[in-house]
N, C-alpha and C. Protein backbone atom coordinates (compact mmCIF):
# COMPACT_ATOMS: atom_id res chain seq x y z
N UNK A 1 1.09 -1.46 0.09
CA UNK A 1 -0.07 0.30 0.33
C UNK A 1 1.22 1.48 -0.05
N UNK A 2 0.30 2.44 -1.21
CA UNK A 2 1.70 3.20 -1.02
C UNK A 2 1.32 4.32 0.13
N UNK A 3 2.58 5.61 0.48
CA UNK A 3 2.28 6.14 1.43
C UNK A 3 0.84 7.34 1.34
N UNK A 4 0.88 7.15 0.37
CA UNK A 4 -0.33 8.16 0.23
C UNK A 4 -1.57 7.62 0.80
N UNK A 5 -1.89 6.47 0.17
CA UNK A 5 -3.07 6.41 1.18
C UNK A 5 -3.17 5.41 2.44
N UNK A 6 -1.61 5.51 3.13
CA UNK A 6 -1.81 4.93 4.55
C UNK A 6 -1.97 6.89 5.25
N UNK A 7 -1.42 7.68 4.48
CA UNK A 7 -1.49 9.08 5.11
C UNK A 7 -3.42 9.34 5.50
N UNK A 8 -3.95 9.14 4.11
CA UNK A 8 -4.94 9.32 3.96
C UNK A 8 -6.01 8.44 4.88
N UNK A 9 -5.65 6.96 5.12
CA UNK A 9 -5.93 6.26 6.31
C UNK A 9 -5.92 6.92 7.46
N UNK A 10 -4.83 7.13 7.95
CA UNK A 10 -4.66 7.90 9.25
C UNK A 10 -5.29 9.59 9.34
N UNK A 11 -5.62 10.13 8.33
CA UNK A 11 -6.38 11.21 8.39
C UNK A 11 -7.66 11.13 8.53
N UNK A 12 -8.42 10.12 7.96
CA UNK A 12 -9.41 9.61 7.82
C UNK A 12 -10.03 9.18 9.36
N UNK A 13 -9.06 8.20 10.33
CA UNK A 13 -9.58 7.66 11.01
C UNK A 13 -9.27 8.55 12.81
N UNK A 14 -8.02 9.68 12.19
CA UNK A 14 -8.08 10.57 13.27
C UNK A 14 -9.61 11.79 13.78
N UNK A 15 -10.15 12.76 12.11
CA UNK A 15 -10.95 13.02 11.98
C UNK A 15 -12.37 12.16 12.27
N UNK A 16 -12.50 10.65 11.91
CA UNK A 16 -13.82 10.29 12.02
C UNK A 16 -14.27 9.86 13.68
N UNK A 17 -12.69 9.54 14.26
CA UNK A 17 -12.52 10.44 16.17
C UNK A 17 -12.94 10.84 17.21
N UNK A 18 -12.67 12.73 15.91
CA UNK A 18 -12.47 13.62 16.59
C UNK A 18 -14.32 13.15 16.04
N UNK A 19 -14.82 13.58 15.09
CA UNK A 19 -15.93 13.48 14.39
C UNK A 19 -16.66 12.89 15.66
N UNK A 20 -16.86 11.41 15.92
CA UNK A 20 -17.88 10.79 16.63
C UNK A 20 -17.72 10.97 18.34
N UNK A 21 -16.57 11.48 18.86
CA UNK A 21 -16.84 12.05 19.88
C UNK A 21 -17.71 13.39 20.37
N UNK A 22 -17.07 14.27 19.00
CA UNK A 22 -17.67 16.51 20.11
C UNK A 22 -19.00 16.02 18.92
N UNK A 23 -19.17 16.09 17.17
CA UNK A 23 -20.50 15.81 16.60
C UNK A 23 -21.20 15.38 16.88
N UNK A 24 -21.28 14.26 17.36
CA UNK A 24 -22.36 12.94 17.04
C UNK A 24 -23.32 13.16 18.11
N UNK A 25 -24.64 13.72 17.97
CA UNK A 25 -25.39 13.81 20.04
C UNK A 25 -26.63 12.57 20.18
N UNK A 26 -26.63 11.81 19.04
CA UNK A 26 -27.44 10.51 19.37
C UNK A 26 -26.86 9.57 21.02
N UNK A 27 -27.83 9.57 22.13
CA UNK A 27 -27.50 9.50 23.05
C UNK A 27 -27.35 7.50 23.36
N UNK A 28 -27.06 7.17 22.70
CA UNK A 28 -26.89 5.83 22.01
C UNK A 28 -25.07 5.87 21.87
N UNK A 29 -25.02 6.46 21.56
CA UNK A 29 -23.19 6.71 21.27
C UNK A 29 -22.52 7.02 22.54
N UNK A 30 -23.70 7.78 23.51
CA UNK A 30 -22.54 7.82 25.08
C UNK A 30 -22.64 6.17 26.34
N UNK A 31 -23.37 5.95 25.04
CA UNK A 31 -23.77 4.30 26.24
C UNK A 31 -22.06 3.52 26.01
N UNK A 32 -21.62 3.97 25.58
CA UNK A 32 -20.02 3.16 25.30
C UNK A 32 -19.10 3.94 24.59
N UNK A 33 -17.82 2.81 25.24
CA UNK A 33 -16.28 3.45 24.65
C UNK A 33 -16.69 3.18 23.70
N UNK A 34 -16.19 4.33 22.26
CA UNK A 34 -15.90 3.64 21.20
C UNK A 34 -14.94 4.24 20.57
N UNK A 35 -14.23 3.65 19.94
CA UNK A 35 -12.62 3.75 18.98
C UNK A 35 -12.84 3.61 17.37
N UNK A 36 -12.17 3.90 16.78
CA UNK A 36 -11.85 3.68 15.53
C UNK A 36 -10.04 3.35 15.29
N UNK A 37 -10.02 1.67 15.51
CA UNK A 37 -9.74 0.89 15.47
C UNK A 37 -8.45 1.25 13.42
N UNK A 38 -8.63 1.40 12.56
CA UNK A 38 -7.71 1.48 11.75
C UNK A 38 -9.39 1.69 10.48
N UNK A 39 -8.54 2.56 9.18
CA UNK A 39 -9.41 2.60 8.34
C UNK A 39 -8.37 2.04 7.19
N UNK A 40 -9.21 1.62 6.22
CA UNK A 40 -8.48 0.62 5.15
C UNK A 40 -9.45 1.15 3.53
N UNK A 41 -8.63 2.71 3.60
CA UNK A 41 -9.06 3.42 2.16
C UNK A 41 -8.79 1.97 0.84
N UNK A 42 -9.43 2.30 -0.30
CA UNK A 42 -9.34 1.24 -1.68
C UNK A 42 -8.43 2.34 -2.42
N UNK A 43 -7.41 2.56 -2.83
CA UNK A 43 -6.22 3.21 -3.98
C UNK A 43 -7.16 4.03 -4.55
N UNK A 44 -8.91 3.90 -5.03
CA UNK A 44 -9.05 4.91 -5.93
C UNK A 44 -9.86 5.51 -5.18
N UNK A 45 -9.57 5.91 -3.88
CA UNK A 45 -10.17 6.83 -2.63
C UNK A 45 -11.87 6.38 -2.84
N UNK A 46 -12.62 5.59 -3.56
CA UNK A 46 -13.51 5.68 -3.64
C UNK A 46 -14.84 4.87 -2.10
N UNK A 47 -13.53 3.92 -1.74
CA UNK A 47 -14.31 3.32 -0.30
C UNK A 47 -13.18 3.32 0.77
N UNK A 48 -13.68 3.37 1.83
CA UNK A 48 -12.54 3.48 3.19
C UNK A 48 -14.00 2.06 4.62
N UNK A 49 -12.85 1.27 4.43
CA UNK A 49 -13.97 0.38 5.52
C UNK A 49 -13.34 0.91 6.72
N UNK A 50 -14.24 1.33 7.60
CA UNK A 50 -13.97 1.80 8.85
C UNK A 50 -13.91 0.85 9.85
N UNK A 51 -13.44 0.47 10.63
CA UNK A 51 -12.70 -0.35 11.39
C UNK A 51 -13.41 0.20 13.50
N UNK A 52 -15.00 -0.65 13.86
CA UNK A 52 -14.17 0.54 14.83
C UNK A 52 -14.57 -0.60 16.10
N UNK A 53 -13.99 -0.42 17.16
CA UNK A 53 -14.45 -0.88 18.83
C UNK A 53 -15.50 -0.30 19.83
N UNK A 54 -16.40 -1.27 20.01
CA UNK A 54 -17.03 -0.49 20.99
C UNK A 54 -16.99 -1.54 22.64
N UNK A 55 -17.00 -0.47 23.12
CA UNK A 55 -16.83 -1.37 24.78
C UNK A 55 -17.85 -0.56 24.91
N UNK A 56 -18.41 -1.79 25.67
CA UNK A 56 -20.39 -2.10 26.31
C UNK A 56 -21.25 -3.17 26.33
N UNK A 57 -22.16 -2.57 26.86
CA UNK A 57 -23.35 -4.15 25.92
C UNK A 57 -22.53 -5.35 24.43
N UNK A 58 -22.60 -5.56 24.67
CA UNK A 58 -22.97 -6.72 22.98
C UNK A 58 -23.73 -6.59 22.67
N UNK A 59 -24.85 -6.11 22.97
CA UNK A 59 -26.34 -6.62 22.35
C UNK A 59 -26.23 -4.69 21.56
N UNK A 60 -25.22 -3.55 22.36
CA UNK A 60 -25.51 -3.02 21.73
C UNK A 60 -24.90 -1.92 20.79
N UNK A 61 -23.73 -3.12 20.21
CA UNK A 61 -22.58 -3.37 18.80
C UNK A 61 -23.13 -2.50 17.94
N UNK A 62 -23.98 -3.34 17.54
CA UNK A 62 -24.38 -3.76 16.55
C UNK A 62 -25.10 -2.47 16.50
N UNK A 63 -26.17 -2.15 17.41
CA UNK A 63 -26.92 -0.49 17.17
C UNK A 63 -25.93 0.11 16.76
N UNK A 64 -24.94 0.20 17.63
CA UNK A 64 -24.14 1.54 17.64
C UNK A 64 -23.62 0.83 16.21
N UNK A 65 -23.04 0.34 15.12
CA UNK A 65 -23.08 0.64 13.79
C UNK A 65 -23.54 1.12 13.28
N UNK A 66 -25.23 0.58 13.64
CA UNK A 66 -25.93 1.61 12.93
C UNK A 66 -26.10 2.97 12.64
N UNK A 67 -26.31 3.09 13.97
CA UNK A 67 -26.32 4.17 14.07
C UNK A 67 -24.98 5.16 13.16
N UNK A 68 -24.05 4.53 13.34
CA UNK A 68 -22.82 5.62 12.62
C UNK A 68 -23.32 5.29 10.62
N UNK A 69 -24.04 4.19 11.00
CA UNK A 69 -24.02 3.54 9.00
C UNK A 69 -25.18 5.08 8.80
N UNK A 70 -26.13 5.09 9.72
CA UNK A 70 -27.18 6.50 8.95
C UNK A 70 -26.53 8.07 9.04
N UNK A 71 -25.34 8.41 9.94
CA UNK A 71 -24.22 9.55 10.05
C UNK A 71 -23.64 9.78 9.07
N UNK A 72 -23.96 8.33 8.39
CA UNK A 72 -22.15 8.24 7.10
C UNK A 72 -22.07 9.48 6.39
N UNK A 73 -23.37 9.99 6.02
CA UNK A 73 -23.55 10.97 5.29
C UNK A 73 -22.59 12.58 5.77
N UNK A 74 -23.28 12.19 6.97
CA UNK A 74 -22.41 13.88 7.78
C UNK A 74 -21.01 13.47 8.08
N UNK A 75 -20.43 12.82 8.51
CA UNK A 75 -19.09 12.32 8.24
C UNK A 75 -18.49 12.28 7.01
N UNK A 76 -18.97 11.77 6.20
CA UNK A 76 -18.35 11.69 4.83
C UNK A 76 -18.83 13.36 4.44
N UNK A 77 -19.34 14.10 4.59
CA UNK A 77 -19.85 15.37 4.26
C UNK A 77 -18.19 16.55 5.18
N UNK A 78 -18.35 15.33 5.95
CA UNK A 78 -17.03 16.56 7.19
C UNK A 78 -15.93 16.31 7.20
N UNK A 79 -15.87 15.43 6.66
CA UNK A 79 -13.88 14.77 5.77
C UNK A 79 -14.04 14.84 4.82
N UNK A 80 -14.90 15.31 4.08
CA UNK A 80 -14.30 16.11 2.65
C UNK A 80 -14.14 17.84 2.71
N UNK A 81 -14.11 17.82 4.22
CA UNK A 81 -13.35 19.72 4.46
C UNK A 81 -11.95 19.40 4.24
N UNK A 82 -11.99 18.52 4.95
CA UNK A 82 -10.33 18.72 5.67
C UNK A 82 -9.65 17.32 4.53
N UNK A 83 -9.90 16.68 3.83
CA UNK A 83 -9.15 15.77 3.28
C UNK A 83 -9.05 16.19 1.79
N UNK A 84 -7.70 16.25 1.45
CA UNK A 84 -7.45 17.22 -0.09
C UNK A 84 -7.27 16.21 -1.11
N UNK A 85 -8.63 15.86 -1.31
CA UNK A 85 -8.39 14.44 -3.05
C UNK A 85 -9.66 14.92 -3.22
N UNK A 86 -9.51 14.30 -4.35
CA UNK A 86 -10.06 14.40 -5.32
C UNK A 86 -11.78 13.57 -5.10
N UNK A 87 -11.88 12.63 -4.69
CA UNK A 87 -12.74 11.87 -4.07
C UNK A 87 -12.91 11.85 -2.98
N UNK A 88 -13.89 11.54 -2.21
CA UNK A 88 -14.21 11.61 -0.33
C UNK A 88 -14.57 10.42 -0.54
N UNK A 89 -14.29 9.19 0.34
CA UNK A 89 -14.82 7.86 0.06
C UNK A 89 -15.92 7.23 0.60
N UNK A 90 -16.37 6.85 0.22
CA UNK A 90 -17.66 6.37 0.76
C UNK A 90 -17.63 5.29 2.98
N UNK A 91 -18.00 5.95 3.63
CA UNK A 91 -17.47 5.41 4.49
C UNK A 91 -18.34 3.67 4.31
N UNK A 92 -17.48 2.90 5.10
CA UNK A 92 -18.19 1.27 5.57
C UNK A 92 -17.66 0.65 6.17
N UNK A 93 -18.94 0.60 7.63
CA UNK A 93 -18.36 0.84 9.05
C UNK A 93 -18.77 -1.00 9.84
N UNK A 94 -16.84 -1.31 10.15
CA UNK A 94 -17.41 -2.66 10.72
C UNK A 94 -17.35 -3.08 12.09
N UNK A 95 -17.83 -3.76 12.51
CA UNK A 95 -17.31 -4.25 14.33
C UNK A 95 -15.97 -4.58 14.15
N UNK A 96 -15.21 -4.03 15.29
CA UNK A 96 -13.25 -5.05 15.17
C UNK A 96 -13.51 -5.25 16.09
N UNK A 97 -13.82 -7.03 16.22
CA UNK A 97 -13.71 -7.79 17.42
C UNK A 97 -12.31 -8.12 18.13
N UNK A 98 -11.31 -7.48 17.22
CA UNK A 98 -9.66 -8.07 17.93
C UNK A 98 -9.69 -8.21 19.16
N UNK A 99 -10.16 -6.96 20.20
CA UNK A 99 -10.13 -6.70 21.39
C UNK A 99 -11.21 -7.38 22.13
N UNK A 100 -12.07 -7.96 21.91
CA UNK A 100 -13.14 -9.03 22.46
C UNK A 100 -11.93 -10.50 22.35
N UNK A 101 -11.34 -10.74 21.29
CA UNK A 101 -10.77 -12.29 20.23
C UNK A 101 -9.95 -12.49 21.65
N UNK A 102 -9.16 -10.98 22.19
CA UNK A 102 -8.05 -11.15 22.85
C UNK A 102 -8.07 -11.39 24.09
N UNK A 103 -9.19 -10.60 24.82
CA UNK A 103 -9.39 -10.86 26.60
C UNK A 103 -10.39 -12.48 26.42
N UNK A 104 -10.54 -13.30 25.70
CA UNK A 104 -11.24 -14.43 25.57
C UNK A 104 -9.88 -14.90 25.50
N UNK A 105 -8.92 -15.30 24.70
CA UNK A 105 -7.77 -15.59 24.84
C UNK A 105 -6.98 -15.44 26.05
N UNK A 106 -6.31 -14.41 26.87
CA UNK A 106 -6.50 -13.78 28.03
C UNK A 106 -7.38 -15.40 29.09
N UNK A 107 -8.38 -14.63 28.97
CA UNK A 107 -9.45 -15.63 29.89
C UNK A 107 -8.77 -17.29 29.15
N UNK A 108 -8.73 -17.72 28.43
CA UNK A 108 -8.09 -19.29 28.36
C UNK A 108 -7.15 -19.60 28.94
N UNK A 109 -5.95 -18.58 29.02
CA UNK A 109 -4.85 -18.99 28.82
C UNK A 109 -5.15 -18.50 30.76
N UNK A 110 -5.44 -17.82 31.45
CA UNK A 110 -5.44 -17.90 32.92
C UNK A 110 -6.11 -18.97 33.33
N UNK A 111 -7.25 -19.82 32.44
CA UNK A 111 -7.54 -21.06 33.25
C UNK A 111 -6.69 -22.13 32.91
N UNK A 112 -5.71 -22.17 32.68
CA UNK A 112 -5.11 -23.56 32.59
C UNK A 112 -4.16 -23.39 33.55
N UNK A 113 -3.63 -24.72 33.66
CA UNK A 113 -3.02 -24.84 34.64
C UNK A 113 -1.89 -25.27 34.76
N UNK A 114 -0.54 -24.33 34.55
CA UNK A 114 0.63 -24.03 33.75
C UNK A 114 1.16 -23.80 35.01
N UNK A 115 2.32 -24.86 35.75
CA UNK A 115 3.56 -24.71 36.73
C UNK A 115 4.43 -23.54 36.04
N UNK A 116 4.92 -22.57 36.89
CA UNK A 116 5.97 -21.58 36.01
C UNK A 116 7.80 -22.34 35.85
N UNK A 117 7.10 -23.64 36.69
CA UNK A 117 8.84 -24.86 36.99
C UNK A 117 9.02 -25.26 35.20
N UNK A 118 7.52 -25.56 34.32
CA UNK A 118 7.75 -26.65 33.61
C UNK A 118 8.06 -25.71 32.34
N UNK A 119 8.14 -24.32 32.20
CA UNK A 119 9.16 -23.26 31.25
C UNK A 119 10.28 -23.77 31.39
N UNK A 120 11.31 -24.30 31.93
CA UNK A 120 12.23 -24.51 32.59
C UNK A 120 12.92 -25.51 31.78
N UNK A 121 12.37 -26.55 31.63
CA UNK A 121 12.76 -27.91 30.74
C UNK A 121 13.32 -27.48 29.13
């Protein structure tokens, strides 16, 4: 992936983080901690997948992605103001479960009965 696309991805990620935190006033967004984990734009900047981590109740995560989907027109327009490119990508929000997966792995590892002296062999 080119350096230009990486810069655009980072700019979109930072701008979306600020917009979600400061500009979107939907009360459902205040019930959870929302983080934009990463953005992956296509080379032609027509689309950008936005991976979002939601800390909160499991049943609310899909609802929050739905709220972000409904606000994507506003978010895209706001990004266009700071993004100096011909195209402003269409935003596609995806739930990022990597943090949940990591916590699950930690729980599994904590449940194993391994003694420290077994590593010395």
